[in-house]
Amino acid sequence: MSHVDAAFVERLSKLARISLKKDEIHRLEENLEKILKHIDQLQQVDTKGVEPCFSVQQDLICPFFEDESQPPMTRTELMQNTQDSISGFIRVPTVIKGA
């Protein structure tokens, strides 16, 4: 099992380009240690004869629906569905500040 120490957490934070305070480093050190212990515990489970699965609901059948063509909305119908508009355009919240 790997041991997580403050130097390891600081190296990870540098690689991830995140800044951490001293108390955050200590907390992450403890949490990562717990995660690694849990992974070690999982690796001890005997999985011989167990087929790999990609979902817990392997027998679930997803229904497929045929695509149905419908006429497009008119501009008037579309604008009635908007919360905010200006000069015939839909107004949306700013995503990039300063733009």
N, C-alpha and C. Protein backbone atom coordinates (compact mmCIF):
# COMPACT_ATOMS: atom_id res chain seq x y z
N MET A 1 0.84 -1.18 0.00
CA MET A 1 0.00 0.00 0.00
C MET A 1 0.88 1.24 0.00
N SER A 2 0.48 2.22 -0.75
CA SER A 2 1.20 3.48 -0.81
C SER A 2 0.87 4.32 0.41
N HIS A 3 1.83 5.11 0.81
CA HIS A 3 1.59 6.00 1.93
C HIS A 3 1.46 7.42 1.40
N VAL A 4 0.45 8.11 1.85
CA VAL A 4 0.22 9.49 1.43
C VAL A 4 0.74 10.41 2.51
N ASP A 5 1.60 11.34 2.12
CA ASP A 5 2.09 12.32 3.07
C ASP A 5 1.88 13.71 2.48
N ALA A 6 2.22 14.72 3.26
CA ALA A 6 1.99 16.11 2.84
C ALA A 6 2.75 16.43 1.55
N ALA A 7 3.96 15.91 1.41
CA ALA A 7 4.76 16.17 0.21
C ALA A 7 4.07 15.60 -1.03
N PHE A 8 3.47 14.42 -0.89
CA PHE A 8 2.75 13.79 -2.00
C PHE A 8 1.55 14.64 -2.40
N VAL A 9 0.78 15.12 -1.42
CA VAL A 9 -0.39 15.94 -1.69
C VAL A 9 0.03 17.26 -2.34
N GLU A 10 1.11 17.85 -1.86
CA GLU A 10 1.60 19.10 -2.44
C GLU A 10 2.04 18.88 -3.89
N ARG A 11 2.67 17.74 -4.17
CA ARG A 11 3.08 17.42 -5.55
C ARG A 11 1.85 17.25 -6.44
N LEU A 12 0.83 16.55 -5.93
CA LEU A 12 -0.40 16.38 -6.69
C LEU A 12 -1.07 17.73 -6.97
N SER A 13 -1.09 18.59 -5.95
CA SER A 13 -1.73 19.90 -6.14
C SER A 13 -0.97 20.73 -7.17
N LYS A 14 0.34 20.58 -7.19
CA LYS A 14 1.14 21.31 -8.19
C LYS A 14 0.84 20.77 -9.59
N LEU A 15 0.76 19.45 -9.72
CA LEU A 15 0.45 18.84 -11.02
C LEU A 15 -0.96 19.22 -11.49
N ALA A 16 -1.90 19.33 -10.54
CA ALA A 16 -3.27 19.69 -10.87
C ALA A 16 -3.44 21.20 -10.99
N ARG A 17 -2.39 21.94 -10.67
CA ARG A 17 -2.41 23.40 -10.72
C ARG A 17 -3.50 24.00 -9.84
N ILE A 18 -3.57 23.47 -8.62
CA ILE A 18 -4.49 24.03 -7.63
C ILE A 18 -3.69 24.42 -6.40
N SER A 19 -4.09 25.49 -5.76
CA SER A 19 -3.40 25.91 -4.54
C SER A 19 -4.18 25.41 -3.34
N LEU A 20 -3.45 24.91 -2.37
CA LEU A 20 -4.07 24.38 -1.17
C LEU A 20 -3.49 25.05 0.07
N LYS A 21 -4.35 25.26 1.05
CA LYS A 21 -3.90 25.78 2.34
C LYS A 21 -3.42 24.60 3.18
N LYS A 22 -2.72 24.88 4.26
CA LYS A 22 -2.16 23.82 5.11
C LYS A 22 -3.23 22.87 5.64
N ASP A 23 -4.38 23.43 6.08
CA ASP A 23 -5.43 22.56 6.61
C ASP A 23 -6.04 21.70 5.51
N GLU A 24 -6.10 22.23 4.27
CA GLU A 24 -6.61 21.45 3.14
C GLU A 24 -5.66 20.31 2.78
N ILE A 25 -4.36 20.58 2.88
CA ILE A 25 -3.37 19.54 2.60
C ILE A 25 -3.53 18.40 3.59
N HIS A 26 -3.67 18.73 4.86
CA HIS A 26 -3.82 17.70 5.90
C HIS A 26 -5.10 16.89 5.68
N ARG A 27 -6.19 17.58 5.35
CA ARG A 27 -7.47 16.89 5.13
C ARG A 27 -7.39 15.97 3.90
N LEU A 28 -6.77 16.46 2.83
CA LEU A 28 -6.63 15.64 1.63
C LEU A 28 -5.71 14.44 1.89
N GLU A 29 -4.70 14.65 2.68
CA GLU A 29 -3.78 13.57 3.05
C GLU A 29 -4.55 12.43 3.73
N GLU A 30 -5.41 12.80 4.67
CA GLU A 30 -6.23 11.79 5.37
C GLU A 30 -7.22 11.11 4.43
N ASN A 31 -7.88 11.90 3.58
CA ASN A 31 -8.88 11.34 2.67
C ASN A 31 -8.24 10.41 1.63
N LEU A 32 -7.12 10.82 1.08
CA LEU A 32 -6.44 9.96 0.09
C LEU A 32 -5.95 8.66 0.74
N GLU A 33 -5.50 8.75 1.97
CA GLU A 33 -5.07 7.55 2.70
C GLU A 33 -6.25 6.59 2.87
N LYS A 34 -7.41 7.12 3.22
CA LYS A 34 -8.61 6.28 3.38
C LYS A 34 -9.00 5.63 2.05
N ILE A 35 -8.91 6.41 0.97
CA ILE A 35 -9.26 5.88 -0.36
C ILE A 35 -8.32 4.74 -0.73
N LEU A 36 -7.04 4.92 -0.51
CA LEU A 36 -6.07 3.88 -0.85
C LEU A 36 -6.28 2.63 0.00
N LYS A 37 -6.62 2.79 1.27
CA LYS A 37 -6.91 1.63 2.12
C LYS A 37 -8.13 0.88 1.59
N HIS A 38 -9.14 1.63 1.15
CA HIS A 38 -10.35 1.01 0.61
C HIS A 38 -10.03 0.24 -0.68
N ILE A 39 -9.19 0.83 -1.54
CA ILE A 39 -8.79 0.15 -2.77
C ILE A 39 -8.02 -1.13 -2.46
N ASP A 40 -7.13 -1.07 -1.47
CA ASP A 40 -6.40 -2.28 -1.06
C ASP A 40 -7.37 -3.36 -0.58
N GLN A 41 -8.39 -2.95 0.15
CA GLN A 41 -9.39 -3.90 0.64
C GLN A 41 -10.15 -4.51 -0.53
N LEU A 42 -10.51 -3.71 -1.51
CA LEU A 42 -11.22 -4.22 -2.68
C LEU A 42 -10.36 -5.19 -3.49
N GLN A 43 -9.05 -4.94 -3.54
CA GLN A 43 -8.16 -5.81 -4.31
C GLN A 43 -8.01 -7.19 -3.67
N GLN A 44 -8.36 -7.32 -2.41
CA GLN A 44 -8.27 -8.60 -1.73
C GLN A 44 -9.48 -9.50 -2.00
N VAL A 45 -10.51 -8.97 -2.62
CA VAL A 45 -11.72 -9.74 -2.90
C VAL A 45 -11.43 -10.73 -4.02
N ASP A 46 -11.83 -11.99 -3.80
CA ASP A 46 -11.62 -13.04 -4.80
C ASP A 46 -12.67 -12.89 -5.90
N THR A 47 -12.22 -12.58 -7.11
CA THR A 47 -13.14 -12.38 -8.23
C THR A 47 -12.97 -13.46 -9.30
N LYS A 48 -12.34 -14.56 -8.95
CA LYS A 48 -12.17 -15.64 -9.93
C LYS A 48 -13.54 -16.20 -10.29
N GLY A 49 -13.78 -16.37 -11.57
CA GLY A 49 -15.04 -16.92 -12.03
C GLY A 49 -16.15 -15.89 -12.17
N VAL A 50 -15.86 -14.65 -11.85
CA VAL A 50 -16.87 -13.60 -11.98
C VAL A 50 -16.63 -12.88 -13.30
N GLU A 51 -17.66 -12.88 -14.15
CA GLU A 51 -17.53 -12.22 -15.44
C GLU A 51 -17.59 -10.71 -15.27
N PRO A 52 -16.75 -9.99 -16.01
CA PRO A 52 -16.80 -8.53 -15.92
C PRO A 52 -18.12 -8.00 -16.48
N CYS A 53 -18.58 -6.91 -15.91
CA CYS A 53 -19.80 -6.29 -16.41
C CYS A 53 -19.57 -4.79 -16.55
N PHE A 54 -20.35 -4.21 -17.41
CA PHE A 54 -20.22 -2.78 -17.66
C PHE A 54 -21.36 -2.00 -17.04
N SER A 55 -22.33 -2.71 -16.49
CA SER A 55 -23.48 -2.08 -15.88
C SER A 55 -24.07 -3.05 -14.87
N VAL A 56 -24.64 -2.55 -13.81
CA VAL A 56 -25.29 -3.42 -12.85
C VAL A 56 -26.64 -3.90 -13.36
N GLN A 57 -27.14 -3.26 -14.38
CA GLN A 57 -28.43 -3.63 -14.94
C GLN A 57 -28.23 -4.16 -16.36
N GLN A 58 -27.50 -5.29 -16.45
CA GLN A 58 -27.18 -5.82 -17.77
C GLN A 58 -28.40 -6.34 -18.52
N ASP A 59 -29.43 -6.77 -17.82
CA ASP A 59 -30.61 -7.30 -18.48
C ASP A 59 -31.59 -6.23 -18.92
N LEU A 60 -31.29 -4.99 -18.58
CA LEU A 60 -32.17 -3.89 -18.93
C LEU A 60 -32.13 -3.65 -20.43
N ILE A 61 -33.28 -3.62 -21.05
CA ILE A 61 -33.35 -3.37 -22.48
C ILE A 61 -33.79 -1.93 -22.70
N CYS A 62 -32.99 -1.19 -23.41
CA CYS A 62 -33.32 0.20 -23.69
C CYS A 62 -34.23 0.25 -24.91
N PRO A 63 -35.37 0.87 -24.76
CA PRO A 63 -36.28 0.95 -25.91
C PRO A 63 -35.75 1.93 -26.96
N PHE A 64 -35.96 1.59 -28.19
CA PHE A 64 -35.60 2.49 -29.28
C PHE A 64 -36.88 3.03 -29.89
N PHE A 65 -36.88 4.28 -30.21
CA PHE A 65 -38.04 4.92 -30.81
C PHE A 65 -37.65 5.40 -32.20
N GLU A 66 -38.58 5.30 -33.09
CA GLU A 66 -38.35 5.80 -34.44
C GLU A 66 -38.34 7.32 -34.41
N ASP A 67 -37.46 7.91 -35.22
CA ASP A 67 -37.46 9.36 -35.36
C ASP A 67 -38.68 9.77 -36.15
N GLU A 68 -39.34 10.78 -35.66
CA GLU A 68 -40.52 11.29 -36.36
C GLU A 68 -40.27 12.72 -36.77
N SER A 69 -40.43 12.97 -38.03
CA SER A 69 -40.24 14.31 -38.56
C SER A 69 -41.46 15.17 -38.24
N GLN A 70 -41.21 16.36 -37.76
CA GLN A 70 -42.29 17.30 -37.47
C GLN A 70 -41.92 18.64 -38.08
N PRO A 71 -42.90 19.41 -38.42
CA PRO A 71 -42.59 20.72 -38.99
C PRO A 71 -41.92 21.60 -37.93
N PRO A 72 -40.99 22.45 -38.36
CA PRO A 72 -40.30 23.31 -37.38
C PRO A 72 -41.24 24.36 -36.80
N MET A 73 -40.87 24.87 -35.63
CA MET A 73 -41.65 25.95 -35.01
C MET A 73 -41.50 27.22 -35.83
N THR A 74 -42.51 28.02 -35.80
CA THR A 74 -42.38 29.34 -36.42
C THR A 74 -41.62 30.23 -35.44
N ARG A 75 -41.10 31.33 -35.94
CA ARG A 75 -40.36 32.25 -35.08
C ARG A 75 -41.25 32.77 -33.95
N THR A 76 -42.50 33.02 -34.25
CA THR A 76 -43.44 33.51 -33.25
C THR A 76 -43.64 32.47 -32.15
N GLU A 77 -43.82 31.19 -32.53
CA GLU A 77 -43.99 30.13 -31.53
C GLU A 77 -42.73 29.99 -30.67
N LEU A 78 -41.58 30.09 -31.31
CA LEU A 78 -40.31 29.99 -30.58
C LEU A 78 -40.17 31.13 -29.58
N MET A 79 -40.46 32.34 -30.00
CA MET A 79 -40.30 33.50 -29.12
C MET A 79 -41.28 33.48 -27.96
N GLN A 80 -42.42 32.79 -28.12
CA GLN A 80 -43.38 32.67 -27.02
C GLN A 80 -42.85 31.75 -25.92
N ASN A 81 -41.87 30.90 -26.26
CA ASN A 81 -41.30 29.98 -25.29
C ASN A 81 -40.08 30.55 -24.56
N THR A 82 -39.64 31.73 -24.91
CA THR A 82 -38.45 32.30 -24.29
C THR A 82 -38.82 33.10 -23.05
N GLN A 83 -37.88 33.17 -22.12
CA GLN A 83 -38.10 33.97 -20.92
C GLN A 83 -37.76 35.43 -21.17
N ASP A 84 -36.73 35.65 -22.00
CA ASP A 84 -36.28 37.02 -22.23
C ASP A 84 -35.81 37.14 -23.67
N SER A 85 -36.18 38.23 -24.33
CA SER A 85 -35.74 38.45 -25.70
C SER A 85 -35.49 39.94 -25.90
N ILE A 86 -34.72 40.23 -26.94
CA ILE A 86 -34.42 41.62 -27.28
C ILE A 86 -34.31 41.70 -28.80
N SER A 87 -35.06 42.56 -29.39
CA SER A 87 -35.05 42.80 -30.84
C SER A 87 -35.20 41.51 -31.65
N GLY A 88 -36.06 40.60 -31.19
CA GLY A 88 -36.31 39.37 -31.93
C GLY A 88 -35.29 38.27 -31.70
N PHE A 89 -34.37 38.46 -30.76
CA PHE A 89 -33.37 37.45 -30.43
C PHE A 89 -33.59 36.98 -29.00
N ILE A 90 -33.22 35.75 -28.74
CA ILE A 90 -33.34 35.20 -27.39
C ILE A 90 -32.18 35.70 -26.55
N ARG A 91 -32.49 36.26 -25.40
CA ARG A 91 -31.44 36.74 -24.50
C ARG A 91 -31.12 35.62 -23.51
N VAL A 92 -29.82 35.29 -23.38
CA VAL A 92 -29.36 34.25 -22.46
C VAL A 92 -28.39 34.88 -21.47
N PRO A 93 -28.18 34.23 -20.31
CA PRO A 93 -27.24 34.77 -19.33
C PRO A 93 -25.81 34.80 -19.89
N THR A 94 -25.03 35.75 -19.43
CA THR A 94 -23.64 35.85 -19.84
C THR A 94 -22.87 34.64 -19.35
N VAL A 95 -22.13 34.01 -20.25
CA VAL A 95 -21.34 32.84 -19.90
C VAL A 95 -19.89 33.25 -19.64
N ILE A 96 -19.36 34.09 -20.49
CA ILE A 96 -17.97 34.54 -20.35
C ILE A 96 -18.01 36.00 -19.92
N LYS A 97 -17.48 36.27 -18.73
CA LYS A 97 -17.51 37.63 -18.21
C LYS A 97 -16.54 38.50 -19.02
N GLY A 98 -16.96 39.72 -19.23
CA GLY A 98 -16.13 40.66 -19.95
C GLY A 98 -16.29 40.57 -21.46
N ALA A 99 -17.14 39.67 -21.92
CA ALA A 99 -17.32 39.52 -23.37
C ALA A 99 -18.48 40.37 -23.83
